[in-house]
Amino acid sequence: MNPPPTPPAGWYDVPAGGKRFWDGKSWSADVVGAPSATAEYEALDPYLPAPVATATVATVPMTPLVAASPPAGWYPGPTGALQWWDGRHWGPFAPPAAQGGAPAKDVGIAYLLLLLLGGVAAHRFYLGLIPSAIVFNVLWWGGWLLSILLIGVPMVIAAAIWWVVDLFLLPALVRRANAVRSTGSGLRA
């Protein structure tokens, strides 16, 4: 003779009050809705046989007691830095972002500054070539101031030749300035 079939998993009434879960093999340790804490564990004998299925028992779908964990990805950590979550464990912090956050210099803007404000070497200031911009301004404006005495005429001519040379060298100067910005070393020319 075959043993009676095991009743399906589900919640079953406890004689002392409340419900206890049967997972198909064993009873849960907790009683839900029990009138007191002592009644929870006195209600059922641990050696009590499995219940006999006499009626259809509606099973309540189990929802996890723990909230669903977020999907894997980068999340802000306690300090605000990004930290990797793989779905189970926290991983390493993200490496800090590069500090050169300023955008790269543009050739078009450098040419615009050269053509419109070439007399004050705005293109050289824009590219970070501060010492050479100051020398150009001394040649250009000092030459104009000294041109009354005719001493400044060669200075103005030298600055004008420098300005024309910059017309051709400007793309290379922009590339060099951007390369220096990406490596972080200083550029002074």
C-alpha atoms as a PDB file:
ATOM      1  CA  MET A   1       0.000   0.000   0.000  1.00  0.00           C
ATOM      2  CA  ASN A   2       1.348   3.406  -0.986  1.00  0.00           C
ATOM      3  CA  PRO A   3       1.710   6.188   1.604  1.00  0.00           C
ATOM      4  CA  PRO A   4      -0.793   9.036   1.238  1.00  0.00           C
ATOM      5  CA  PRO A   5       0.355  11.857  -1.047  1.00  0.00           C
ATOM      6  CA  THR A   6       2.097  14.792   0.618  1.00  0.00           C
ATOM      7  CA  PRO A   7      -0.131  17.851   0.767  1.00  0.00           C
ATOM      8  CA  PRO A   8       0.921  20.814  -1.354  1.00  0.00           C
ATOM      9  CA  ALA A   9       3.072  23.568   0.053  1.00  0.00           C
ATOM     10  CA  GLY A  10       1.128  26.378   1.642  1.00  0.00           C
ATOM     11  CA  TRP A  11      -0.064  28.049   4.822  1.00  0.00           C
ATOM     12  CA  TYR A  12      -1.911  25.884   7.345  1.00  0.00           C
ATOM     13  CA  ASP A  13      -3.809  26.796  10.505  1.00  0.00           C
ATOM     14  CA  VAL A  14      -2.115  26.212  13.843  1.00  0.00           C
ATOM     15  CA  PRO A  15      -4.357  24.958  16.706  1.00  0.00           C
ATOM     16  CA  ALA A  16      -3.122  27.727  19.069  1.00  0.00           C
ATOM     17  CA  GLY A  17      -3.888  30.405  16.465  1.00  0.00           C
ATOM     18  CA  GLY A  18      -2.135  31.802  13.424  1.00  0.00           C
ATOM     19  CA  LYS A  19      -0.718  30.048  10.382  1.00  0.00           C
ATOM     20  CA  ARG A  20       2.470  28.141   9.719  1.00  0.00           C
ATOM     21  CA  PHE A  21       4.049  27.447   6.325  1.00  0.00           C
ATOM     22  CA  TRP A  22       4.533  23.916   5.003  1.00  0.00           C
ATOM     23  CA  ASP A  23       7.061  23.899   2.117  1.00  0.00           C
ATOM     24  CA  GLY A  24       6.226  20.357   1.059  1.00  0.00           C
ATOM     25  CA  LYS A  25       8.941  18.771   3.215  1.00  0.00           C
ATOM     26  CA  SER A  26       9.094  20.599   6.534  1.00  0.00           C
ATOM     27  CA  TRP A  27       7.364  23.252   8.633  1.00  0.00           C
ATOM     28  CA  SER A  28       8.619  26.822   8.870  1.00  0.00           C
ATOM     29  CA  ALA A  29       9.988  27.991  12.222  1.00  0.00           C
ATOM     30  CA  ASP A  30       7.728  31.052  12.436  1.00  0.00           C
ATOM     31  CA  VAL A  31       3.996  31.278  12.981  1.00  0.00           C
ATOM     32  CA  VAL A  32       2.221  34.222  11.390  1.00  0.00           C
ATOM     33  CA  GLY A  33      -0.632  35.836  13.289  1.00  0.00           C
ATOM     34  CA  ALA A  34      -0.035  33.930  16.530  1.00  0.00           C
ATOM     35  CA  PRO A  35      -1.695  35.420  19.639  1.00  0.00           C
ATOM     36  CA  SER A  36       1.540  35.415  21.674  1.00  0.00           C
ATOM     37  CA  ALA A  37       5.198  34.583  21.307  1.00  0.00           C
ATOM     38  CA  THR A  38       4.914  31.528  23.572  1.00  0.00           C
ATOM     39  CA  ALA A  39       1.983  30.181  21.617  1.00  0.00           C
ATOM     40  CA  GLU A  40       3.982  30.360  18.402  1.00  0.00           C
ATOM     41  CA  TYR A  41       6.357  27.633  19.444  1.00  0.00           C
ATOM     42  CA  GLU A  42       4.070  25.669  21.746  1.00  0.00           C
ATOM     43  CA  ALA A  43       1.409  25.302  19.102  1.00  0.00           C
ATOM     44  CA  LEU A  44       2.975  22.552  17.015  1.00  0.00           C
ATOM     45  CA  ASP A  45       4.985  19.611  18.099  1.00  0.00           C
ATOM     46  CA  PRO A  46       8.137  19.445  15.920  1.00  0.00           C
ATOM     47  CA  TYR A  47       7.449  15.759  15.420  1.00  0.00           C
ATOM     48  CA  LEU A  48       3.908  16.383  14.243  1.00  0.00           C
ATOM     49  CA  PRO A  49       3.218  14.488  11.012  1.00  0.00           C
ATOM     50  CA  ALA A  50       2.530  16.380   7.824  1.00  0.00           C
ATOM     51  CA  PRO A  51      -1.078  17.493   7.420  1.00  0.00           C
ATOM     52  CA  VAL A  52      -3.441  15.364   5.398  1.00  0.00           C
ATOM     53  CA  ALA A  53      -4.865  17.130   2.392  1.00  0.00           C
ATOM     54  CA  THR A  54      -8.615  16.996   2.856  1.00  0.00           C
ATOM     55  CA  ALA A  55      -9.515  20.127   0.987  1.00  0.00           C
ATOM     56  CA  THR A  56      -7.975  22.225  -1.652  1.00  0.00           C
ATOM     57  CA  VAL A  57      -5.724  24.783  -0.086  1.00  0.00           C
ATOM     58  CA  ALA A  58      -5.148  27.997  -1.952  1.00  0.00           C
ATOM     59  CA  THR A  59      -1.486  28.795  -1.981  1.00  0.00           C
ATOM     60  CA  VAL A  60      -0.416  32.334  -1.369  1.00  0.00           C
ATOM     61  CA  PRO A  61       2.408  33.397  -3.631  1.00  0.00           C
ATOM     62  CA  MET A  62       5.506  34.079  -1.622  1.00  0.00           C
ATOM     63  CA  THR A  63       6.967  37.516  -1.981  1.00  0.00           C
ATOM     64  CA  PRO A  64      10.535  37.935  -0.885  1.00  0.00           C
ATOM     65  CA  LEU A  65      10.936  39.638   2.471  1.00  0.00           C
ATOM     66  CA  VAL A  66      14.020  41.406   1.178  1.00  0.00           C
ATOM     67  CA  ALA A  67      13.553  44.126  -1.392  1.00  0.00           C
ATOM     68  CA  ALA A  68      14.775  43.269  -4.855  1.00  0.00           C
ATOM     69  CA  SER A  69      18.347  44.407  -5.240  1.00  0.00           C
ATOM     70  CA  PRO A  70      19.116  46.950  -7.928  1.00  0.00           C
ATOM     71  CA  PRO A  71      20.682  45.716 -11.154  1.00  0.00           C
ATOM     72  CA  ALA A  72      24.430  45.663 -11.588  1.00  0.00           C
ATOM     73  CA  GLY A  73      25.985  49.037 -12.319  1.00  0.00           C
ATOM     74  CA  TRP A  74      27.796  52.075 -10.918  1.00  0.00           C
ATOM     75  CA  TYR A  75      26.106  53.731  -7.927  1.00  0.00           C
ATOM     76  CA  PRO A  76      27.186  56.607  -5.656  1.00  0.00           C
ATOM     77  CA  GLY A  77      28.929  55.317  -2.545  1.00  0.00           C
ATOM     78  CA  PRO A  78      28.855  56.836   0.953  1.00  0.00           C
ATOM     79  CA  THR A  79      31.406  59.480  -0.024  1.00  0.00           C
ATOM     80  CA  GLY A  80      29.696  60.306  -3.306  1.00  0.00           C
ATOM     81  CA  ALA A  81      32.292  58.479  -5.421  1.00  0.00           C
ATOM     82  CA  LEU A  82      30.955  55.877  -7.832  1.00  0.00           C
ATOM     83  CA  GLN A  83      31.192  52.259  -6.697  1.00  0.00           C
ATOM     84  CA  TRP A  84      30.456  49.076  -8.674  1.00  0.00           C
ATOM     85  CA  TRP A  85      27.499  46.880  -7.594  1.00  0.00           C
ATOM     86  CA  ASP A  86      27.484  43.441  -9.276  1.00  0.00           C
ATOM     87  CA  GLY A  87      24.049  42.446  -7.963  1.00  0.00           C
ATOM     88  CA  ARG A  88      25.370  40.779  -4.788  1.00  0.00           C
ATOM     89  CA  HIS A  89      28.472  42.585  -3.538  1.00  0.00           C
ATOM     90  CA  TRP A  90      29.961  46.048  -3.709  1.00  0.00           C
ATOM     91  CA  GLY A  91      33.094  46.237  -5.805  1.00  0.00           C
ATOM     92  CA  PRO A  92      35.889  48.784  -6.098  1.00  0.00           C
ATOM     93  CA  PHE A  93      35.372  52.504  -6.368  1.00  0.00           C
ATOM     94  CA  ALA A  94      35.609  54.061  -9.819  1.00  0.00           C
ATOM     95  CA  PRO A  95      38.932  55.672 -10.609  1.00  0.00           C
ATOM     96  CA  PRO A  96      38.764  59.444 -10.296  1.00  0.00           C
ATOM     97  CA  ALA A  97      37.943  61.289 -13.483  1.00  0.00           C
ATOM     98  CA  ALA A  98      40.741  63.040 -15.311  1.00  0.00           C
ATOM     99  CA  GLN A  99      41.291  66.512 -13.916  1.00  0.00           C
ATOM    100  CA  GLY A 100      41.784  68.130 -17.353  1.00  0.00           C
ATOM    101  CA  GLY A 101      38.081  68.826 -17.671  1.00  0.00           C
ATOM    102  CA  ALA A 102      38.534  71.958 -19.778  1.00  0.00           C
ATOM    103  CA  PRO A 103      37.646  71.455 -23.438  1.00  0.00           C
ATOM    104  CA  ALA A 104      40.339  71.271 -26.081  1.00  0.00           C
ATOM    105  CA  LYS A 105      41.385  74.427 -27.883  1.00  0.00           C
ATOM    106  CA  ASP A 106      39.827  75.009 -31.295  1.00  0.00           C
ATOM    107  CA  VAL A 107      41.723  76.139 -34.407  1.00  0.00           C
ATOM    108  CA  GLY A 108      38.786  78.238 -35.614  1.00  0.00           C
ATOM    109  CA  ILE A 109      38.631  80.250 -32.410  1.00  0.00           C
ATOM    110  CA  ALA A 110      42.404  80.719 -32.467  1.00  0.00           C
ATOM    111  CA  TYR A 111      42.228  82.067 -36.052  1.00  0.00           C
ATOM    112  CA  LEU A 112      39.337  84.343 -35.107  1.00  0.00           C
ATOM    113  CA  LEU A 113      41.357  85.770 -32.225  1.00  0.00           C
ATOM    114  CA  LEU A 114      44.441  86.139 -34.451  1.00  0.00           C
ATOM    115  CA  LEU A 115      42.536  88.055 -37.129  1.00  0.00           C
ATOM    116  CA  LEU A 116      40.402  90.230 -34.841  1.00  0.00           C
ATOM    117  CA  LEU A 117      42.703  90.740 -31.856  1.00  0.00           C
ATOM    118  CA  GLY A 118      46.110  89.906 -33.315  1.00  0.00           C
ATOM    119  CA  GLY A 119      47.553  93.205 -32.113  1.00  0.00           C
ATOM    120  CA  VAL A 120      47.193  92.093 -28.498  1.00  0.00           C
ATOM    121  CA  ALA A 121      48.219  88.469 -29.209  1.00  0.00           C
ATOM    122  CA  ALA A 122      44.861  87.166 -27.984  1.00  0.00           C
ATOM    123  CA  HIS A 123      45.423  83.892 -29.860  1.00  0.00           C
ATOM    124  CA  ARG A 124      48.622  83.259 -27.887  1.00  0.00           C
ATOM    125  CA  PHE A 125      46.922  84.025 -24.571  1.00  0.00           C
ATOM    126  CA  TYR A 126      44.097  81.653 -25.619  1.00  0.00           C
ATOM    127  CA  LEU A 127      46.605  78.852 -26.286  1.00  0.00           C
ATOM    128  CA  GLY A 128      48.405  79.413 -22.988  1.00  0.00           C
ATOM    129  CA  LEU A 129      51.525  80.879 -24.613  1.00  0.00           C
ATOM    130  CA  ILE A 130      51.649  83.737 -22.108  1.00  0.00           C
ATOM    131  CA  PRO A 131      55.388  84.651 -22.228  1.00  0.00           C
ATOM    132  CA  SER A 132      55.458  84.871 -26.029  1.00  0.00           C
ATOM    133  CA  ALA A 133      52.195  86.857 -25.993  1.00  0.00           C
ATOM    134  CA  ILE A 134      53.790  89.376 -23.632  1.00  0.00           C
ATOM    135  CA  VAL A 135      56.898  89.630 -25.847  1.00  0.00           C
ATOM    136  CA  PHE A 136      54.677  90.190 -28.898  1.00  0.00           C
ATOM    137  CA  ASN A 137      52.767  92.953 -27.089  1.00  0.00           C
ATOM    138  CA  VAL A 138      56.026  94.640 -26.058  1.00  0.00           C
ATOM    139  CA  LEU A 139      57.262  94.523 -29.669  1.00  0.00           C
ATOM    140  CA  TRP A 140      53.974  95.686 -31.193  1.00  0.00           C
ATOM    141  CA  TRP A 141      52.803  98.347 -28.747  1.00  0.00           C
ATOM    142  CA  GLY A 142      56.296  99.394 -27.674  1.00  0.00           C
ATOM    143  CA  GLY A 143      57.222  99.762 -31.331  1.00  0.00           C
ATOM    144  CA  TRP A 144      54.231 102.017 -31.945  1.00  0.00           C
ATOM    145  CA  LEU A 145      55.104 104.126 -28.915  1.00  0.00           C
ATOM    146  CA  LEU A 146      58.743 104.432 -30.003  1.00  0.00           C
ATOM    147  CA  SER A 147      57.916 104.996 -33.675  1.00  0.00           C
ATOM    148  CA  ILE A 148      57.783 108.716 -32.983  1.00  0.00           C
ATOM    149  CA  LEU A 149      61.540 108.536 -32.468  1.00  0.00           C
ATOM    150  CA  LEU A 150      61.868 106.094 -35.423  1.00  0.00           C
ATOM    151  CA  ILE A 151      63.376 103.542 -33.057  1.00  0.00           C
ATOM    152  CA  GLY A 152      60.152 101.567 -32.903  1.00  0.00           C
ATOM    153  CA  VAL A 153      59.675 101.053 -36.640  1.00  0.00           C
ATOM    154  CA  PRO A 154      61.875  97.900 -36.736  1.00  0.00           C
ATOM    155  CA  MET A 155      59.977  96.597 -33.689  1.00  0.00           C
ATOM    156  CA  VAL A 156      56.602  97.052 -35.425  1.00  0.00           C
ATOM    157  CA  ILE A 157      57.965  95.382 -38.591  1.00  0.00           C
ATOM    158  CA  ALA A 158      59.272  92.431 -36.526  1.00  0.00           C
ATOM    159  CA  ALA A 159      55.890  92.071 -34.789  1.00  0.00           C
ATOM    160  CA  ALA A 160      54.074  92.225 -38.150  1.00  0.00           C
ATOM    161  CA  ILE A 161      56.316  89.461 -39.550  1.00  0.00           C
ATOM    162  CA  TRP A 162      55.651  87.412 -36.391  1.00  0.00           C
ATOM    163  CA  TRP A 163      51.886  87.907 -36.918  1.00  0.00           C
ATOM    164  CA  VAL A 164      52.132  86.639 -40.536  1.00  0.00           C
ATOM    165  CA  VAL A 165      54.194  83.624 -39.417  1.00  0.00           C
ATOM    166  CA  ASP A 166      51.512  82.868 -36.809  1.00  0.00           C
ATOM    167  CA  LEU A 167      48.948  82.727 -39.660  1.00  0.00           C
ATOM    168  CA  PHE A 168      50.740  79.629 -40.947  1.00  0.00           C
ATOM    169  CA  LEU A 169      51.869  78.113 -37.642  1.00  0.00           C
ATOM    170  CA  LEU A 170      48.560  78.459 -35.797  1.00  0.00           C
ATOM    171  CA  PRO A 171      47.210  74.902 -36.476  1.00  0.00           C
ATOM    172  CA  ALA A 172      50.472  73.406 -35.174  1.00  0.00           C
ATOM    173  CA  LEU A 173      50.368  75.684 -32.123  1.00  0.00           C
ATOM    174  CA  VAL A 174      46.798  74.540 -31.362  1.00  0.00           C
ATOM    175  CA  ARG A 175      47.775  70.847 -31.718  1.00  0.00           C
ATOM    176  CA  ARG A 176      50.740  71.392 -29.420  1.00  0.00           C
ATOM    177  CA  ALA A 177      48.623  73.240 -26.840  1.00  0.00           C
ATOM    178  CA  ASN A 178      46.023  70.429 -26.869  1.00  0.00           C
ATOM    179  CA  ALA A 179      48.732  67.763 -26.534  1.00  0.00           C
ATOM    180  CA  VAL A 180      50.260  69.590 -23.589  1.00  0.00           C
ATOM    181  CA  ARG A 181      46.828  69.951 -21.946  1.00  0.00           C
ATOM    182  CA  SER A 182      46.173  66.212 -22.299  1.00  0.00           C
ATOM    183  CA  THR A 183      49.512  65.264 -20.706  1.00  0.00           C
ATOM    184  CA  GLY A 184      49.337  67.967 -18.052  1.00  0.00           C
ATOM    185  CA  SER A 185      52.800  69.451 -18.611  1.00  0.00           C
ATOM    186  CA  GLY A 186      53.310  73.179 -18.954  1.00  0.00           C
ATOM    187  CA  LEU A 187      53.603  74.913 -22.316  1.00  0.00           C
ATOM    188  CA  ARG A 188      55.527  78.137 -22.498  1.00  0.00           C
ATOM    189  CA  ALA A 189      56.828  79.468 -25.791  1.00  0.00           C
END
